[in-house]
Amino acid sequence: MIDCKCGKPVRLGANRMTINRRQGVYHYIVHRDESPACNGPWDCVAIKPYPKVEADKPYAKLIARWEQANAQTVASREA
């Protein structure tokens, strides 16, 4: 994943969760020092049954949204 707009490296985290006896996963993007990523919130929830297609999975959509939101910053730093 690309770094945050502020220049800090980021990571994708996940926690298991249960809502009304239905199991799922909560994904989130934070800085490596555990502070919240800029311009958030950057999180999503997936409840079983999970989508089969990789592009339909909530965490894949979250990463795509992150990459799109931070692509301009990376392009301006490389120029």
N, C-alpha and C. Protein backbone atom coordinates (compact mmCIF):
# COMPACT_ATOMS: atom_id res chain seq x y z
N MET A 1 0.85 -1.19 0.00
CA MET A 1 0.00 0.00 0.00
C MET A 1 0.89 1.24 0.00
N ILE A 2 0.36 2.30 -0.57
CA ILE A 2 1.10 3.56 -0.61
C ILE A 2 1.05 4.23 0.76
N ASP A 3 2.06 5.06 1.03
CA ASP A 3 2.11 5.79 2.29
C ASP A 3 0.98 6.81 2.37
N CYS A 4 0.75 7.30 3.57
CA CYS A 4 -0.29 8.30 3.84
C CYS A 4 0.12 9.64 3.24
N LYS A 5 -0.84 10.54 3.09
CA LYS A 5 -0.56 11.87 2.56
C LYS A 5 0.43 12.63 3.43
N CYS A 6 0.47 12.32 4.72
CA CYS A 6 1.40 13.01 5.63
C CYS A 6 2.80 12.43 5.53
N GLY A 7 2.99 11.35 4.78
CA GLY A 7 4.31 10.76 4.59
C GLY A 7 4.60 9.56 5.47
N LYS A 8 3.73 9.24 6.42
CA LYS A 8 3.95 8.11 7.31
C LYS A 8 3.55 6.81 6.61
N PRO A 9 4.26 5.71 6.88
CA PRO A 9 3.85 4.42 6.34
C PRO A 9 2.58 3.93 7.04
N VAL A 10 1.79 3.14 6.33
CA VAL A 10 0.53 2.63 6.86
C VAL A 10 0.49 1.11 6.80
N ARG A 11 -0.48 0.54 7.51
CA ARG A 11 -0.70 -0.91 7.48
C ARG A 11 -2.19 -1.20 7.50
N LEU A 12 -2.54 -2.37 6.99
CA LEU A 12 -3.91 -2.86 7.03
C LEU A 12 -4.04 -3.81 8.20
N GLY A 13 -4.97 -3.54 9.10
CA GLY A 13 -5.20 -4.39 10.26
C GLY A 13 -6.57 -5.04 10.17
N ALA A 14 -6.76 -6.08 10.98
CA ALA A 14 -8.05 -6.79 11.00
C ALA A 14 -8.32 -7.34 12.38
N ASN A 15 -9.60 -7.37 12.74
CA ASN A 15 -10.06 -7.98 13.99
C ASN A 15 -11.28 -8.82 13.69
N ARG A 16 -11.38 -9.96 14.35
CA ARG A 16 -12.59 -10.77 14.24
C ARG A 16 -13.68 -10.12 15.08
N MET A 17 -14.91 -10.28 14.63
CA MET A 17 -16.03 -9.69 15.36
C MET A 17 -17.27 -10.54 15.17
N THR A 18 -18.24 -10.32 16.04
CA THR A 18 -19.53 -11.00 15.95
C THR A 18 -20.64 -9.97 16.13
N ILE A 19 -21.61 -9.98 15.22
CA ILE A 19 -22.76 -9.10 15.30
C ILE A 19 -24.01 -9.98 15.23
N ASN A 20 -24.80 -9.96 16.28
CA ASN A 20 -26.01 -10.78 16.34
C ASN A 20 -25.72 -12.24 15.97
N ARG A 21 -24.70 -12.80 16.56
CA ARG A 21 -24.27 -14.18 16.36
C ARG A 21 -23.79 -14.49 14.95
N ARG A 22 -23.53 -13.47 14.15
CA ARG A 22 -22.96 -13.66 12.82
C ARG A 22 -21.51 -13.22 12.86
N GLN A 23 -20.62 -14.12 12.45
CA GLN A 23 -19.20 -13.81 12.50
C GLN A 23 -18.77 -12.99 11.31
N GLY A 24 -17.73 -12.20 11.52
CA GLY A 24 -17.21 -11.38 10.45
C GLY A 24 -15.83 -10.84 10.80
N VAL A 25 -15.35 -9.94 9.96
CA VAL A 25 -14.02 -9.34 10.12
C VAL A 25 -14.14 -7.84 9.92
N TYR A 26 -13.43 -7.10 10.78
CA TYR A 26 -13.36 -5.64 10.70
C TYR A 26 -11.96 -5.28 10.23
N HIS A 27 -11.83 -4.62 9.07
CA HIS A 27 -10.54 -4.20 8.53
C HIS A 27 -10.38 -2.69 8.71
N TYR A 28 -9.15 -2.25 8.91
CA TYR A 28 -8.88 -0.83 9.09
C TYR A 28 -7.47 -0.50 8.61
N ILE A 29 -7.26 0.77 8.25
CA ILE A 29 -5.95 1.26 7.84
C ILE A 29 -5.50 2.29 8.86
N VAL A 30 -4.32 2.09 9.42
CA VAL A 30 -3.73 3.01 10.40
C VAL A 30 -2.26 3.22 10.06
N HIS A 31 -1.68 4.29 10.64
CA HIS A 31 -0.24 4.50 10.52
C HIS A 31 0.48 3.38 11.24
N ARG A 32 1.73 3.15 10.91
CA ARG A 32 2.50 2.09 11.57
C ARG A 32 2.68 2.35 13.06
N ASP A 33 2.60 3.63 13.48
CA ASP A 33 2.72 3.94 14.91
C ASP A 33 1.36 3.87 15.62
N GLU A 34 0.37 3.26 14.96
CA GLU A 34 -0.99 3.03 15.48
C GLU A 34 -1.85 4.28 15.58
N SER A 35 -1.41 5.41 15.08
CA SER A 35 -2.27 6.60 15.04
C SER A 35 -3.21 6.48 13.84
N PRO A 36 -4.39 7.09 13.90
CA PRO A 36 -5.34 6.98 12.79
C PRO A 36 -4.78 7.57 11.49
N ALA A 37 -5.08 6.95 10.38
CA ALA A 37 -4.65 7.45 9.08
C ALA A 37 -5.39 8.75 8.77
N CYS A 38 -4.74 9.62 8.04
CA CYS A 38 -5.30 10.94 7.72
C CYS A 38 -6.53 10.82 6.82
N ASN A 39 -7.42 11.78 6.94
CA ASN A 39 -8.63 11.87 6.10
C ASN A 39 -9.50 10.62 6.20
N GLY A 40 -9.60 10.05 7.39
CA GLY A 40 -10.36 8.83 7.62
C GLY A 40 -11.83 9.11 7.85
N PRO A 41 -12.57 8.17 8.29
CA PRO A 41 -12.12 6.87 8.76
C PRO A 41 -11.85 5.91 7.61
N TRP A 42 -10.87 5.06 7.79
CA TRP A 42 -10.51 4.07 6.80
C TRP A 42 -10.78 2.68 7.38
N ASP A 43 -12.02 2.24 7.30
CA ASP A 43 -12.38 0.94 7.84
C ASP A 43 -13.55 0.34 7.06
N CYS A 44 -13.74 -0.97 7.23
CA CYS A 44 -14.85 -1.67 6.59
C CYS A 44 -15.14 -2.93 7.38
N VAL A 45 -16.33 -3.51 7.17
CA VAL A 45 -16.76 -4.71 7.86
C VAL A 45 -17.23 -5.73 6.82
N ALA A 46 -16.85 -6.97 7.02
CA ALA A 46 -17.31 -8.07 6.17
C ALA A 46 -17.95 -9.13 7.07
N ILE A 47 -19.18 -9.49 6.78
CA ILE A 47 -19.93 -10.49 7.54
C ILE A 47 -20.05 -11.75 6.68
N LYS A 48 -19.94 -12.92 7.30
CA LYS A 48 -20.09 -14.17 6.56
C LYS A 48 -21.49 -14.28 6.00
N PRO A 49 -21.68 -14.85 4.85
CA PRO A 49 -20.71 -15.43 3.93
C PRO A 49 -19.98 -14.35 3.15
N TYR A 50 -18.66 -14.49 3.06
CA TYR A 50 -17.83 -13.51 2.37
C TYR A 50 -17.99 -13.64 0.85
N PRO A 51 -17.82 -12.53 0.11
CA PRO A 51 -17.88 -12.61 -1.35
C PRO A 51 -16.76 -13.50 -1.90
N LYS A 52 -17.03 -14.21 -2.97
CA LYS A 52 -16.04 -15.11 -3.56
C LYS A 52 -15.04 -14.37 -4.44
N VAL A 53 -15.51 -13.37 -5.18
CA VAL A 53 -14.65 -12.62 -6.09
C VAL A 53 -13.80 -11.63 -5.29
N GLU A 54 -12.50 -11.64 -5.54
CA GLU A 54 -11.57 -10.79 -4.78
C GLU A 54 -11.94 -9.31 -4.87
N ALA A 55 -12.35 -8.84 -6.04
CA ALA A 55 -12.68 -7.42 -6.22
C ALA A 55 -13.93 -7.00 -5.45
N ASP A 56 -14.79 -7.95 -5.09
CA ASP A 56 -16.01 -7.64 -4.36
C ASP A 56 -15.82 -7.63 -2.84
N LYS A 57 -14.67 -8.08 -2.37
CA LYS A 57 -14.43 -8.14 -0.93
C LYS A 57 -14.24 -6.73 -0.36
N PRO A 58 -14.82 -6.46 0.80
CA PRO A 58 -14.76 -5.11 1.36
C PRO A 58 -13.35 -4.59 1.58
N TYR A 59 -12.41 -5.45 2.01
CA TYR A 59 -11.05 -4.95 2.23
C TYR A 59 -10.36 -4.58 0.92
N ALA A 60 -10.69 -5.27 -0.17
CA ALA A 60 -10.12 -4.93 -1.48
C ALA A 60 -10.65 -3.57 -1.94
N LYS A 61 -11.94 -3.31 -1.69
CA LYS A 61 -12.51 -2.01 -2.02
C LYS A 61 -11.90 -0.91 -1.16
N LEU A 62 -11.62 -1.22 0.11
CA LEU A 62 -11.00 -0.26 1.01
C LEU A 62 -9.59 0.10 0.53
N ILE A 63 -8.81 -0.90 0.14
CA ILE A 63 -7.46 -0.65 -0.35
C ILE A 63 -7.50 0.14 -1.65
N ALA A 64 -8.44 -0.19 -2.55
CA ALA A 64 -8.56 0.55 -3.81
C ALA A 64 -8.92 2.01 -3.56
N ARG A 65 -9.82 2.24 -2.60
CA ARG A 65 -10.20 3.61 -2.25
C ARG A 65 -9.00 4.36 -1.66
N TRP A 66 -8.20 3.68 -0.83
CA TRP A 66 -7.00 4.26 -0.23
C TRP A 66 -5.98 4.63 -1.32
N GLU A 67 -5.73 3.70 -2.23
CA GLU A 67 -4.76 3.94 -3.30
C GLU A 67 -5.20 5.12 -4.17
N GLN A 68 -6.49 5.21 -4.47
CA GLN A 68 -6.99 6.30 -5.29
C GLN A 68 -6.87 7.63 -4.55
N ALA A 69 -7.17 7.65 -3.27
CA ALA A 69 -7.13 8.89 -2.50
C ALA A 69 -5.70 9.39 -2.30
N ASN A 70 -4.72 8.50 -2.29
CA ASN A 70 -3.34 8.89 -2.02
C ASN A 70 -2.45 8.86 -3.26
N ALA A 71 -2.99 8.53 -4.40
CA ALA A 71 -2.20 8.45 -5.63
C ALA A 71 -1.66 9.82 -6.05
N GLN A 72 -2.45 10.86 -5.89
CA GLN A 72 -2.00 12.19 -6.29
C GLN A 72 -0.81 12.63 -5.46
N THR A 73 -0.78 12.31 -4.19
CA THR A 73 0.32 12.68 -3.32
C THR A 73 1.60 12.00 -3.77
N VAL A 74 1.53 10.71 -4.11
CA VAL A 74 2.70 9.98 -4.54
C VAL A 74 3.23 10.55 -5.86
N ALA A 75 2.33 10.86 -6.78
CA ALA A 75 2.73 11.41 -8.08
C ALA A 75 3.41 12.78 -7.90
N SER A 76 2.92 13.59 -6.98
CA SER A 76 3.53 14.91 -6.78
C SER A 76 4.90 14.80 -6.11
N ARG A 77 5.10 13.77 -5.27
CA ARG A 77 6.41 13.60 -4.63
C ARG A 77 7.46 13.11 -5.62
N GLU A 78 7.04 12.28 -6.60
CA GLU A 78 7.98 11.74 -7.57
C GLU A 78 8.39 12.76 -8.62
N ALA A 79 7.58 13.78 -8.83
CA ALA A 79 7.87 14.79 -9.88
C ALA A 79 8.95 15.76 -9.44
